[in-house]
């Protein structure tokens, strides 16, 4: 069912060479895929302890149930995605609104870092400024302090950090 995404009705599991026995009392099984859009979310599996337990009517009923469950799952994913996008848009709006009131780059950086750390729950947020073509960067604002600030600043200015590589290459 997982490979084909098609339902499977097995009236006698003893005659199915692909059946993997789990419960020794099971003799019939009906399995239907649960699809959310084009994605296989799971399977709906019915088992019975006697032969010929399921019929075409059962198969059609389970297909209908699986179809509606898939629709509900798809709707839930869409609602979750919309909520996530709305949260992102609110965050962007808040950062733009708050930072537009700032008088200089340092104040703007501190404000943006504080908002990102507070609203998104990140402990370590740092805004760097590129200061050399070799990838040297300087801390504008940070939500954390460095254990050895002088050494960290030296490495950053030399272009010997992940942030420096990002600045040097222009890629994440």
Protein backbone atom coordinates (compact mmCIF):
# COMPACT_ATOMS: atom_id res chain seq x y z
CA UNK A 1 0.00 0.00 0.00
CA UNK A 2 2.85 2.37 0.83
CA UNK A 3 4.60 1.66 -2.48
CA UNK A 4 1.53 1.71 -4.73
CA UNK A 5 -0.68 4.13 -2.76
CA UNK A 6 -3.54 1.81 -3.66
CA UNK A 7 -5.82 -0.01 -1.21
CA UNK A 8 -5.31 -3.70 -0.64
CA UNK A 9 -7.91 -6.27 0.35
CA UNK A 10 -6.57 -9.64 1.51
CA UNK A 11 -9.25 -12.19 2.29
CA UNK A 12 -6.75 -14.87 3.39
CA UNK A 13 -3.36 -13.68 4.59
CA UNK A 14 -2.04 -17.25 4.49
CA UNK A 15 -2.13 -17.07 0.66
CA UNK A 16 -0.33 -13.73 0.40
CA UNK A 17 3.43 -14.23 -0.01
CA UNK A 18 4.08 -10.58 0.93
CA UNK A 19 2.15 -10.66 4.19
CA UNK A 20 4.32 -10.19 7.28
CA UNK A 21 2.65 -11.90 10.17
CA UNK A 22 2.34 -9.79 13.28
CA UNK A 23 -0.68 -11.16 15.08
CA UNK A 24 -1.13 -14.92 14.73
CA UNK A 25 -4.91 -14.70 15.02
CA UNK A 26 -5.34 -12.39 11.99
CA UNK A 27 -6.63 -14.07 8.84
CA UNK A 28 -8.01 -11.13 6.78
CA UNK A 29 -6.77 -7.61 6.29
CA UNK A 30 -7.90 -4.44 4.55
CA UNK A 31 -5.39 -1.61 4.14
CA UNK A 32 -6.11 1.83 2.66
CA UNK A 33 -3.64 4.71 2.12
CA UNK A 34 -4.23 8.05 3.85
CA UNK A 35 -3.18 10.76 1.42
CA UNK A 36 -2.86 14.45 2.18
CA UNK A 37 -2.65 16.07 -1.23
CA UNK A 38 -0.06 13.95 -3.03
CA UNK A 39 1.75 13.00 0.18
CA UNK A 40 1.24 9.65 1.84
CA UNK A 41 0.47 10.54 5.44
CA UNK A 42 -0.20 7.00 6.69
CA UNK A 43 -2.36 3.95 6.24
CA UNK A 44 -5.69 2.83 7.64
CA UNK A 45 -5.46 -0.88 8.44
CA UNK A 46 -8.29 -3.22 9.44
CA UNK A 47 -7.63 -6.79 10.56
CA UNK A 48 -10.01 -9.64 11.30
CA UNK A 49 -9.62 -13.02 12.91
CA UNK A 50 -11.63 -14.92 10.30
CA UNK A 51 -11.36 -15.50 6.56
CA UNK A 52 -13.25 -13.36 4.02
CA UNK A 53 -13.98 -10.74 6.71
CA UNK A 54 -13.97 -7.77 4.34
CA UNK A 55 -15.84 -7.14 1.11
CA UNK A 56 -15.90 -4.56 -1.66
CA UNK A 57 -18.42 -2.49 0.34
CA UNK A 58 -15.96 -2.35 3.24
CA UNK A 59 -13.19 -1.36 0.84
CA UNK A 60 -15.29 1.49 -0.63
CA UNK A 61 -16.32 2.67 2.84
CA UNK A 62 -12.70 2.72 4.08
CA UNK A 63 -11.59 4.51 0.89
CA UNK A 64 -14.23 7.15 1.57
CA UNK A 65 -13.14 7.52 5.18
CA UNK A 66 -9.47 7.71 4.15
CA UNK A 67 -10.31 10.30 1.48
CA UNK A 68 -12.08 12.53 4.01
CA UNK A 69 -9.35 12.06 6.62
CA UNK A 70 -6.83 13.08 3.96
CA UNK A 71 -8.89 16.21 3.25
CA UNK A 72 -8.99 17.05 6.94
CA UNK A 73 -5.22 16.57 7.19
CA UNK A 74 -4.64 18.75 4.13
CA UNK A 75 -6.83 21.46 5.62
CA UNK A 76 -4.96 21.23 8.94
CA UNK A 77 -1.61 21.57 7.14
CA UNK A 78 -2.87 24.59 5.22
CA UNK A 79 -4.18 26.26 8.37
CA UNK A 80 -0.85 25.62 10.09
CA UNK A 81 1.07 27.02 7.10
CA UNK A 82 -1.14 30.12 7.02
CA UNK A 83 -0.68 30.67 10.75
CA UNK A 84 3.09 30.36 10.32
CA UNK A 85 3.06 32.83 7.42
CA UNK A 86 0.90 35.27 9.41
CA UNK A 87 3.36 35.04 12.30
CA UNK A 88 6.22 35.79 9.91
CA UNK A 89 4.38 38.79 8.46
CA UNK A 90 3.58 40.15 11.95
CA UNK A 91 7.22 39.76 12.89
CA UNK A 92 8.39 41.55 9.75
CA UNK A 93 5.89 44.34 10.37
CA UNK A 94 6.98 44.72 14.00
CA UNK A 95 10.68 44.82 13.10
CA UNK A 96 10.08 47.38 10.34
CA UNK A 97 7.86 49.53 12.52
CA UNK A 98 10.18 49.48 15.53
CA UNK A 99 13.44 49.95 13.61
CA UNK A 100 12.05 52.83 11.52
CA UNK A 101 11.93 54.89 14.73
CA UNK A 102 15.64 54.39 15.44
CA UNK A 103 18.10 57.25 15.11
CA UNK A 104 21.20 55.28 14.05
CA UNK A 105 22.45 51.87 12.93
CA UNK A 106 23.48 50.73 16.41
CA UNK A 107 20.07 51.54 17.88
CA UNK A 108 18.33 49.91 14.90
CA UNK A 109 20.49 46.79 15.29
CA UNK A 110 19.86 46.53 19.02
CA UNK A 111 16.12 46.92 18.44
CA UNK A 112 16.01 44.28 15.67
CA UNK A 113 18.11 41.82 17.68
CA UNK A 114 15.92 42.30 20.77
CA UNK A 115 12.70 41.78 18.78
CA UNK A 116 13.99 38.66 17.03
CA UNK A 117 15.31 37.14 20.27
CA UNK A 118 12.17 37.98 22.28
CA UNK A 119 9.48 37.17 19.74
CA UNK A 120 11.03 34.09 18.20
CA UNK A 121 12.63 32.76 21.37
CA UNK A 122 16.21 32.56 20.13
CA UNK A 123 18.87 32.89 22.80
CA UNK A 124 21.69 33.96 20.48
CA UNK A 125 20.92 36.62 17.87
CA UNK A 126 23.68 38.79 16.45
CA UNK A 127 23.72 41.45 13.76
CA UNK A 128 27.08 41.86 12.03
CA UNK A 129 28.36 44.63 9.77
CA UNK A 130 30.77 43.75 6.94
CA UNK A 131 33.95 45.82 7.30
CA UNK A 132 36.30 44.29 4.71
CA UNK A 133 36.06 42.53 1.33
CA UNK A 134 37.88 39.52 2.88
CA UNK A 135 34.83 38.90 5.05
CA UNK A 136 35.83 40.80 8.11
CA UNK A 137 32.75 41.55 10.19
CA UNK A 138 32.02 43.54 13.31
CA UNK A 139 29.24 43.05 15.84
CA UNK A 140 26.60 45.78 15.63
CA UNK A 141 24.28 44.25 18.25
CA UNK A 142 23.96 40.90 20.00
CA UNK A 143 21.58 39.27 22.44
CA UNK A 144 24.51 37.53 24.12
CA UNK A 145 27.98 38.49 25.25
CA UNK A 146 31.07 36.65 24.12
CA UNK A 147 33.18 34.84 26.73
CA UNK A 148 36.34 36.40 25.29
CA UNK A 149 35.13 39.47 23.41
CA UNK A 150 38.61 40.62 22.35
CA UNK A 151 39.48 37.25 20.75
CA UNK A 152 36.07 36.99 19.12
CA UNK A 153 36.41 40.50 17.66
CA UNK A 154 39.88 39.70 16.32
CA UNK A 155 38.65 36.52 14.59
CA UNK A 156 35.64 38.31 13.17
CA UNK A 157 37.75 41.17 11.78
CA UNK A 158 40.18 38.67 10.22
CA UNK A 159 37.34 36.94 8.41
CA UNK A 160 37.81 33.66 10.30
CA UNK A 161 34.22 32.81 11.24
CA UNK A 162 31.03 31.43 9.76
CA UNK A 163 29.55 34.94 9.74
CA UNK A 164 32.68 36.11 7.90
CA UNK A 165 32.30 33.39 5.29
CA UNK A 166 28.71 34.47 4.75
CA UNK A 167 29.84 38.08 4.35
CA UNK A 168 32.68 37.08 2.01
CA UNK A 169 30.59 34.85 -0.27
CA UNK A 170 27.27 36.65 -0.01
CA UNK A 171 25.50 33.34 0.66
CA UNK A 172 23.90 31.76 3.68
